[in-house]
Protein backbone atom coordinates (compact mmCIF):
# COMPACT_ATOMS: atom_id res chain seq x y z
CA MET A 1 -16.00 21.77 -32.09
CA LYS A 2 -19.37 20.56 -30.96
CA PHE A 3 -20.30 17.44 -28.53
CA ILE A 4 -23.38 16.31 -26.45
CA VAL A 5 -22.89 14.48 -23.42
CA SER A 6 -25.03 13.36 -20.27
CA SER A 7 -24.29 16.17 -17.14
CA THR A 8 -24.38 13.41 -14.54
CA VAL A 9 -22.05 10.72 -16.30
CA LEU A 10 -19.72 13.82 -17.06
CA SER A 11 -20.09 15.20 -13.47
CA ALA A 12 -19.31 11.67 -11.95
CA HIS A 13 -16.37 10.95 -13.96
CA LEU A 14 -14.87 14.12 -13.48
CA GLN A 15 -15.37 14.24 -9.68
CA ALA A 16 -13.66 10.61 -9.41
CA ILE A 17 -10.38 12.17 -11.23
CA SER A 18 -10.49 15.55 -9.92
CA ARG A 19 -8.83 14.24 -6.49
CA VAL A 20 -5.57 14.15 -8.48
CA ILE A 21 -5.42 17.68 -8.43
CA ASN A 22 -3.18 19.30 -5.93
CA SER A 23 -4.62 22.71 -4.12
CA LYS A 24 -1.14 24.36 -4.98
CA ASN A 25 0.26 23.57 -8.62
CA ALA A 26 3.48 25.29 -10.08
CA LEU A 27 2.34 24.97 -12.98
CA PRO A 28 -1.18 26.60 -13.85
CA ILE A 29 -1.82 24.23 -16.72
CA LEU A 30 -2.33 21.46 -13.84
CA ASP A 31 -5.23 23.27 -12.44
CA CYS A 32 -7.02 21.98 -15.79
CA PHE A 33 -9.10 19.06 -17.11
CA LEU A 34 -7.57 17.99 -20.61
CA PHE A 35 -10.34 17.25 -22.85
CA GLU A 36 -9.65 14.76 -25.92
CA LEU A 37 -12.30 13.84 -28.43
CA GLN A 38 -11.64 11.45 -30.81
CA ASP A 39 -14.18 9.04 -32.86
CA GLY A 40 -16.88 9.82 -30.34
CA THR A 41 -15.09 8.87 -27.62
CA LEU A 42 -14.23 11.96 -24.72
CA SER A 43 -11.14 11.09 -22.74
CA VAL A 44 -10.64 13.70 -19.67
CA THR A 45 -6.99 13.40 -18.27
CA VAL A 46 -5.97 15.08 -15.17
CA SER A 47 -2.25 15.44 -13.53
CA ASP A 48 0.17 16.62 -10.84
CA SER A 49 3.27 15.75 -12.83
CA GLU A 50 3.72 12.65 -10.42
CA THR A 51 0.46 10.60 -11.17
CA THR A 52 -1.90 11.26 -14.28
CA MET A 53 -5.34 9.82 -14.63
CA VAL A 54 -7.43 9.62 -17.40
CA THR A 55 -11.02 8.51 -17.52
CA THR A 56 -13.15 7.89 -21.04
CA LEU A 57 -16.52 8.44 -21.67
CA GLU A 58 -18.90 8.17 -24.64
CA VAL A 59 -20.51 11.36 -25.94
CA VAL A 60 -24.34 11.34 -27.18
CA GLU A 61 -23.06 13.28 -30.49
CA ASN A 62 -20.18 15.14 -31.78
CA ASP A 63 -19.23 16.62 -35.28
CA ALA A 64 -15.23 17.00 -35.13
CA ASP A 65 -12.48 16.02 -33.10
CA GLY A 66 -10.28 18.19 -30.75
CA ARG A 67 -8.56 18.99 -27.46
CA PHE A 68 -8.88 21.82 -24.92
CA ALA A 69 -7.92 22.51 -21.21
CA ILE A 70 -10.22 23.74 -19.07
CA VAL A 71 -9.99 25.11 -15.39
CA ALA A 72 -11.25 22.35 -13.32
CA ARG A 73 -12.52 23.94 -10.28
CA THR A 74 -14.90 26.05 -12.26
CA LEU A 75 -16.42 23.19 -14.34
CA LEU A 76 -17.04 20.93 -11.34
CA ASP A 77 -18.79 23.48 -9.31
CA ALA A 78 -20.76 24.55 -12.47
CA LEU A 79 -21.75 20.92 -13.36
CA LYS A 80 -22.47 19.91 -9.69
CA GLU A 81 -25.90 21.96 -9.68
CA ILE A 82 -27.23 20.47 -12.94
CA PRO A 83 -29.50 17.67 -12.63
CA GLU A 84 -29.55 14.71 -15.36
CA GLN A 85 -29.96 16.34 -18.87
CA PRO A 86 -28.02 16.35 -22.10
CA LEU A 87 -25.03 19.10 -21.99
CA THR A 88 -23.97 20.62 -25.16
CA PHE A 89 -20.60 22.00 -25.41
CA ASP A 90 -19.64 24.38 -28.23
CA ILE A 91 -15.73 25.32 -28.36
CA ASN A 92 -13.77 27.29 -30.91
CA LEU A 93 -10.79 25.78 -31.17
CA ASP A 94 -8.69 28.94 -32.34
CA THR A 95 -10.14 31.21 -29.53
CA LEU A 96 -10.76 28.72 -26.83
CA GLU A 97 -13.82 30.33 -26.29
CA MET A 98 -16.53 27.69 -25.49
CA THR A 99 -20.38 27.51 -24.07
CA VAL A 100 -21.84 24.95 -22.16
CA GLN A 101 -25.67 24.73 -23.11
CA TYR A 102 -27.98 22.89 -20.63
CA GLN A 103 -32.15 23.24 -20.45
CA ASN A 104 -32.63 26.39 -19.07
CA GLY A 105 -29.63 28.32 -19.57
CA LYS A 106 -25.60 28.51 -20.99
CA TYR A 107 -22.11 29.06 -19.12
CA SER A 108 -19.48 30.99 -21.18
CA LEU A 109 -15.75 30.08 -20.55
CA VAL A 110 -12.60 30.33 -21.94
CA GLY A 111 -10.23 27.22 -22.20
CA GLN A 112 -6.56 26.81 -21.84
CA ASN A 113 -4.06 25.86 -24.63
CA ALA A 114 -4.17 21.49 -24.52
CA ASP A 115 -0.49 21.53 -25.83
CA GLU A 116 0.66 22.80 -22.54
CA PHE A 117 -0.55 19.71 -20.30
CA PRO A 118 2.66 17.61 -19.87
CA THR A 119 2.46 13.98 -21.17
CA PRO A 120 1.97 11.04 -18.91
CA ALA A 121 5.11 8.91 -18.25
CA THR A 122 5.43 5.63 -20.60
CA LEU A 123 6.48 2.44 -19.18
CA GLY A 124 10.17 0.93 -20.58
CA ALA A 125 10.26 -2.39 -22.89
CA GLY A 126 10.65 -4.39 -20.11
CA ALA A 127 7.70 -3.85 -17.78
CA VAL A 128 5.95 -6.43 -15.53
CA ARG A 129 2.52 -6.96 -16.20
CA VAL A 130 -0.18 -8.72 -13.60
CA GLU A 131 -4.03 -8.75 -13.21
CA MET A 132 -6.22 -8.56 -10.52
CA ASP A 133 -9.60 -8.45 -9.73
CA ALA A 134 -11.03 -5.14 -9.06
CA GLN A 135 -12.52 -6.13 -5.62
CA VAL A 136 -9.27 -8.23 -4.64
CA LEU A 137 -6.96 -5.15 -5.21
CA LEU A 138 -9.54 -3.24 -3.31
CA ASN A 139 -9.57 -5.39 -0.30
CA GLY A 140 -5.76 -5.26 0.01
CA ILE A 141 -5.50 -1.23 -0.34
CA ASN A 142 -8.28 -1.12 2.54
CA ARG A 143 -6.58 -3.32 4.56
CA ALA A 144 -3.13 -1.93 4.15
CA ILE A 145 -3.24 1.50 3.80
CA PHE A 146 -4.00 2.59 7.37
CA ALA A 147 -0.73 1.29 8.22
CA THR A 148 1.72 3.33 5.70
CA ALA A 149 3.86 5.89 7.43
CA ASP A 150 4.52 9.73 6.68
CA ASP A 151 8.31 9.30 7.15
CA GLU A 152 10.43 11.45 5.28
CA LEU A 153 13.84 10.07 6.00
CA ARG A 154 12.57 6.42 5.20
CA PRO A 155 10.34 7.48 1.76
CA VAL A 156 9.99 3.49 1.04
CA MET A 157 7.66 3.11 4.17
CA ASN A 158 5.28 5.94 2.94
CA GLY A 159 3.53 3.24 0.47
CA ILE A 160 2.00 0.16 -0.21
CA TYR A 161 4.42 -2.67 -0.96
CA PHE A 162 3.09 -5.27 -3.48
CA ASP A 163 5.28 -8.49 -3.46
CA ILE A 164 4.50 -10.58 -6.24
CA THR A 165 5.20 -14.23 -6.87
CA THR A 166 4.13 -17.02 -9.16
CA GLU A 167 1.70 -18.06 -6.56
CA ASP A 168 0.21 -15.08 -5.02
CA ILE A 169 0.44 -11.43 -4.34
CA THR A 170 0.95 -9.93 -1.20
CA MET A 171 0.34 -6.39 -0.05
CA VAL A 172 2.52 -4.92 2.92
CA ALA A 173 2.20 -1.76 4.64
CA SER A 174 4.23 -0.49 7.86
CA ASP A 175 4.85 2.74 9.72
CA GLY A 176 7.59 0.81 12.21
CA HIS A 177 5.25 0.60 14.97
CA LYS A 178 2.24 -1.52 13.16
CA LEU A 179 2.43 -3.65 10.36
CA VAL A 180 -0.04 -5.50 7.61
CA ARG A 181 0.70 -8.44 5.73
CA CYS A 182 -2.13 -9.17 3.04
CA LYS A 183 -1.86 -11.89 1.54
CA THR A 184 -4.23 -12.88 -1.75
CA LEU A 185 -4.25 -16.04 -3.63
CA ALA A 186 -6.73 -14.98 -5.98
CA ALA A 187 -3.84 -13.51 -8.41
CA HIS A 188 -0.25 -13.78 -8.95
CA GLY A 189 2.38 -12.76 -11.42
CA SER A 190 4.42 -14.77 -14.04
CA GLU A 191 7.61 -13.88 -12.30
CA ARG A 192 8.99 -12.85 -9.00
CA ALA A 193 8.50 -8.88 -8.86
CA ALA A 194 7.75 -6.17 -6.46
CA PHE A 195 6.78 -2.63 -6.60
CA ILE A 196 6.04 0.43 -3.62
CA LEU A 197 2.75 2.25 -4.79
CA PRO A 198 2.60 5.96 -2.88
CA LYS A 199 -0.08 6.73 -0.95
CA LYS A 200 -1.79 8.93 -2.92
CA PRO A 201 -2.22 6.78 -5.98
CA ALA A 202 -3.26 4.13 -3.62
CA ASN A 203 -6.08 6.45 -1.93
CA LEU A 204 -7.27 7.13 -5.74
CA MET A 205 -7.75 3.56 -6.19
CA LYS A 206 -9.43 3.17 -3.02
CA SER A 207 -11.96 5.66 -3.94
CA ILE A 208 -12.60 4.33 -7.66
CA LEU A 209 -12.49 0.69 -7.20
CA PRO A 210 -15.87 0.15 -5.35
CA LYS A 211 -17.91 0.96 -8.59
CA GLU A 212 -15.27 -1.05 -10.88
CA GLN A 213 -15.99 -4.89 -11.71
CA GLY A 214 -13.70 -7.44 -13.52
CA GLU A 215 -10.23 -7.32 -13.81
CA VAL A 216 -7.60 -4.55 -13.12
CA SER A 217 -4.41 -4.54 -15.12
CA ILE A 218 -1.13 -3.27 -13.47
CA GLU A 219 2.06 -2.95 -15.58
CA PHE A 220 4.99 -1.49 -13.87
CA ASP A 221 9.05 -1.05 -14.56
CA ASP A 222 11.35 0.63 -12.13
CA ARG A 223 10.20 3.99 -12.01
CA ASN A 224 6.48 4.12 -13.03
CA ALA A 225 3.11 1.82 -12.67
CA ALA A 226 0.01 1.73 -14.85
CA PHE A 227 -3.38 0.78 -13.58
CA THR A 228 -5.97 -0.28 -16.16
CA LEU A 229 -9.45 -0.45 -15.39
CA GLU A 230 -12.64 -0.13 -17.61
CA GLY A 231 -13.39 3.20 -17.29
CA TYR A 232 -10.04 4.56 -15.94
CA ARG A 233 -6.33 4.68 -16.39
CA MET A 234 -3.82 5.67 -13.72
CA VAL A 235 -0.24 6.14 -14.34
CA CYS A 236 2.01 7.35 -11.31
CA ARG A 237 5.62 7.63 -10.08
CA LEU A 238 6.63 4.60 -7.88
CA ILE A 239 8.70 4.97 -4.43
CA GLU A 240 12.27 4.00 -5.36
CA GLY A 241 14.46 1.93 -2.94
CA ARG A 242 14.47 -1.48 -1.21
CA TYR A 243 11.53 -2.39 1.03
CA PRO A 244 12.60 -4.03 4.36
CA ASN A 245 12.34 -7.55 4.78
CA TYR A 246 9.04 -7.66 6.33
CA ASN A 247 8.80 -11.60 7.10
CA SER A 248 11.66 -11.37 9.44
CA VAL A 249 10.04 -8.95 11.44
CA ILE A 250 7.12 -11.24 12.38
CA PRO A 251 7.59 -13.45 15.32
CA LYS A 252 7.20 -17.10 14.77
CA ASN A 253 6.71 -18.86 17.98
CA ASN A 254 4.23 -17.45 19.85
CA PRO A 255 2.88 -19.59 22.54
CA ASN A 256 0.28 -17.36 24.35
CA LYS A 257 -2.74 -17.24 22.20
CA ILE A 258 -5.71 -15.12 22.78
CA THR A 259 -9.38 -15.55 20.97
CA VAL A 260 -11.38 -12.55 21.73
CA ASP A 261 -14.51 -10.86 20.27
CA ARG A 262 -13.30 -8.04 17.91
CA THR A 263 -16.57 -5.76 18.69
CA GLN A 264 -16.19 -6.36 22.27
CA LEU A 265 -12.53 -5.45 22.46
CA ILE A 266 -12.82 -2.33 20.18
CA GLY A 267 -15.35 -1.04 22.93
CA ALA A 268 -13.95 -1.78 25.68
CA LEU A 269 -10.60 -0.07 24.21
CA LYS A 270 -12.46 3.12 23.41
CA ARG A 271 -13.82 3.00 26.89
CA VAL A 272 -10.73 2.42 28.79
CA SER A 273 -8.32 4.81 26.69
CA ILE A 274 -10.15 7.69 27.40
CA PHE A 275 -8.50 7.38 30.86
CA SER A 276 -4.80 7.01 29.83
CA SER A 277 -1.91 9.35 29.65
CA GLN A 278 -2.87 12.01 26.65
CA ALA A 279 1.05 11.54 25.63
CA SER A 280 1.38 7.75 25.28
CA SER A 281 -2.25 6.31 24.98
CA LEU A 282 -0.86 3.49 26.82
CA ILE A 283 -3.26 0.67 27.71
CA LYS A 284 -2.21 -2.49 29.78
CA LEU A 285 -4.03 -6.12 29.03
CA ARG A 286 -3.50 -8.52 31.56
CA MET A 287 -4.46 -12.10 30.61
CA GLU A 288 -4.96 -15.09 32.94
CA ASN A 289 -7.64 -18.01 33.00
CA ASN A 290 -10.05 -17.20 29.94
CA LEU A 291 -10.19 -13.24 31.22
CA MET A 292 -8.44 -10.00 29.65
CA VAL A 293 -8.51 -7.00 32.01
CA ILE A 294 -7.73 -3.94 30.21
CA SER A 295 -6.79 -0.99 32.21
CA ALA A 296 -5.26 2.11 31.64
CA GLN A 297 -4.37 5.30 33.90
CA ASP A 298 -3.02 9.03 33.86
CA ILE A 299 -0.57 9.68 36.76
CA ASP A 300 -1.03 13.42 35.87
CA PHE A 301 -4.70 13.74 36.53
CA SER A 302 -4.92 11.02 38.92
CA THR A 303 -7.54 9.13 36.59
CA SER A 304 -7.81 5.15 35.96
CA ALA A 305 -10.10 2.81 34.19
CA GLU A 306 -10.18 -1.02 34.37
CA GLU A 307 -12.72 -3.33 32.47
CA THR A 308 -12.80 -7.04 32.31
CA LEU A 309 -13.58 -9.36 28.94
CA ALA A 310 -14.21 -13.12 28.46
CA CYS A 311 -11.68 -14.60 26.19
CA GLN A 312 -9.95 -17.81 25.59
CA TYR A 313 -6.42 -17.96 26.80
CA ALA A 314 -4.99 -21.17 28.57
CA GLY A 315 -1.38 -19.55 28.68
CA ASN A 316 0.87 -18.08 31.76
CA PRO A 317 -0.43 -14.88 33.33
CA MET A 318 0.92 -12.07 31.50
CA SER A 319 0.68 -8.46 31.01
CA ILE A 320 1.72 -6.35 27.75
CA GLY A 321 1.35 -2.84 26.98
CA PHE A 322 0.02 -1.18 23.40
CA LYS A 323 -0.62 2.17 22.09
CA SER A 324 -4.50 1.79 22.39
CA THR A 325 -4.98 4.21 19.25
CA PHE A 326 -2.68 1.80 17.21
CA LEU A 327 -4.66 -1.39 18.50
CA ILE A 328 -8.25 0.11 17.84
CA ASP A 329 -6.96 0.95 14.51
CA ILE A 330 -5.85 -2.60 13.62
CA LEU A 331 -9.39 -4.19 14.94
CA ASN A 332 -11.24 -1.70 12.84
CA ASN A 333 -9.45 -3.12 9.62
CA ILE A 334 -10.08 -6.61 10.30
CA ALA A 335 -13.41 -7.82 9.21
CA ALA A 336 -14.08 -11.39 11.23
CA ASP A 337 -15.87 -11.32 14.49
CA GLU A 338 -13.33 -12.60 16.36
CA VAL A 339 -9.62 -12.08 16.15
CA SER A 340 -6.62 -13.91 17.76
CA ILE A 341 -3.53 -12.02 19.53
CA GLU A 342 -0.67 -14.06 19.36
CA LEU A 343 1.99 -13.02 21.82
CA ALA A 344 5.34 -14.57 23.06
CA ASP A 345 6.46 -12.00 25.96
CA PRO A 346 5.60 -8.66 26.77
CA SER A 347 8.90 -7.27 24.95
CA ARG A 348 8.00 -8.86 21.63
CA ALA A 349 5.49 -7.72 19.07
CA GLY A 350 1.94 -9.17 18.99
CA VAL A 351 0.33 -10.83 16.14
CA ILE A 352 -3.49 -9.99 15.61
CA ILE A 353 -5.14 -12.24 12.95
CA PRO A 354 -8.92 -13.14 11.96
CA ILE A 355 -10.26 -16.19 13.21
CA GLU A 356 -11.87 -16.88 10.16
CA GLN A 357 -10.04 -15.59 6.73
CA GLU A 358 -11.97 -14.18 4.14
CA GLU A 359 -12.02 -16.31 0.95
CA ASN A 360 -8.50 -16.54 -0.76
CA GLU A 361 -6.93 -14.25 2.08
CA ASP A 362 -4.48 -14.58 4.12
CA LEU A 363 -4.42 -11.31 6.59
CA LEU A 364 -1.91 -10.83 9.58
CA MET A 365 -1.13 -7.40 11.21
CA LEU A 366 1.54 -6.75 13.89
CA LEU A 367 1.84 -4.19 16.61
CA MET A 368 5.14 -3.54 18.58
CA PRO A 369 4.45 -3.26 22.25
CA MET A 370 5.24 -0.65 24.83
CA MET A 371 6.85 -0.64 28.05
CA LEU A 372 4.77 -0.86 30.82
CA ASN A 373 6.21 1.15 34.31
CA ASP A 374 4.82 -1.75 36.86
């Protein structure tokens, strides 16, 4: 079996899907790429037994169909150094000996038996299907993924929750301290449905989607989801369980509203938080008469800092404590120039929303407060 393929096209596709492979696998075959050539189309599959990703690309020419597996790391490293040119793969499907010829040389390798590669999970007959624009899906994942948890006791918190209605799709993530709710009106389902996408497949989509255009087809049942893009398909195991009612956590009546420049606030938080206690990263925000005073102190080292920012605030004077690293994370994941911070009292969560929402998007972030010592 012989085929010719572009070196840079093959390398780019292999790089994109190689992130699926775990550094340590129980089955040696999971360290491999599975190559399958059929009717002039080459598909390459990788799997970690829970997530499987397939990419397809056209070959320049080929003489036969066939399938074989090859150790991923060796091939990736070998192709990385080859500039754009045709590569000729010549494989003996009986002995699995193969040569890869390029302009000035050749590699000799030995493949693995393709039949050992696990077959990807199939979806049940009652699978739900929705379509989303690639960039809309990417935006939602980008906004939410930083707020997912690493909680062995509550695995449902370790992924992004997709809440699908006939009017919109909402992506939610929370680790119990911070919460992101990103609702998009640019996509909807034909019925009410939901699933929890684990962090690893979400990160894989995050790395592939920037180069993709057009629609992404998402199909899912109780156990698995399949994401189909133009050149890629990913099938992954979903997190099973009930996601908490996220709307009930968001405080509704927040009379104290602050409007502040996002970039200036991030700068002030970064400067002041250097002087906060390393254990807690506690910073204090005090608002009164269109001013916000940001302060921090570390009693153990007798250090403190304070900075004043202009803001729009006409409520009663109040102080609230937050973990600075969480607040900076939240502000970094909002694109708007100005944000509104809505507060009820120092013991209830702060709601942070962009003053100008992106088109067809409703973004809300929430941060639990910390107790102030004074």
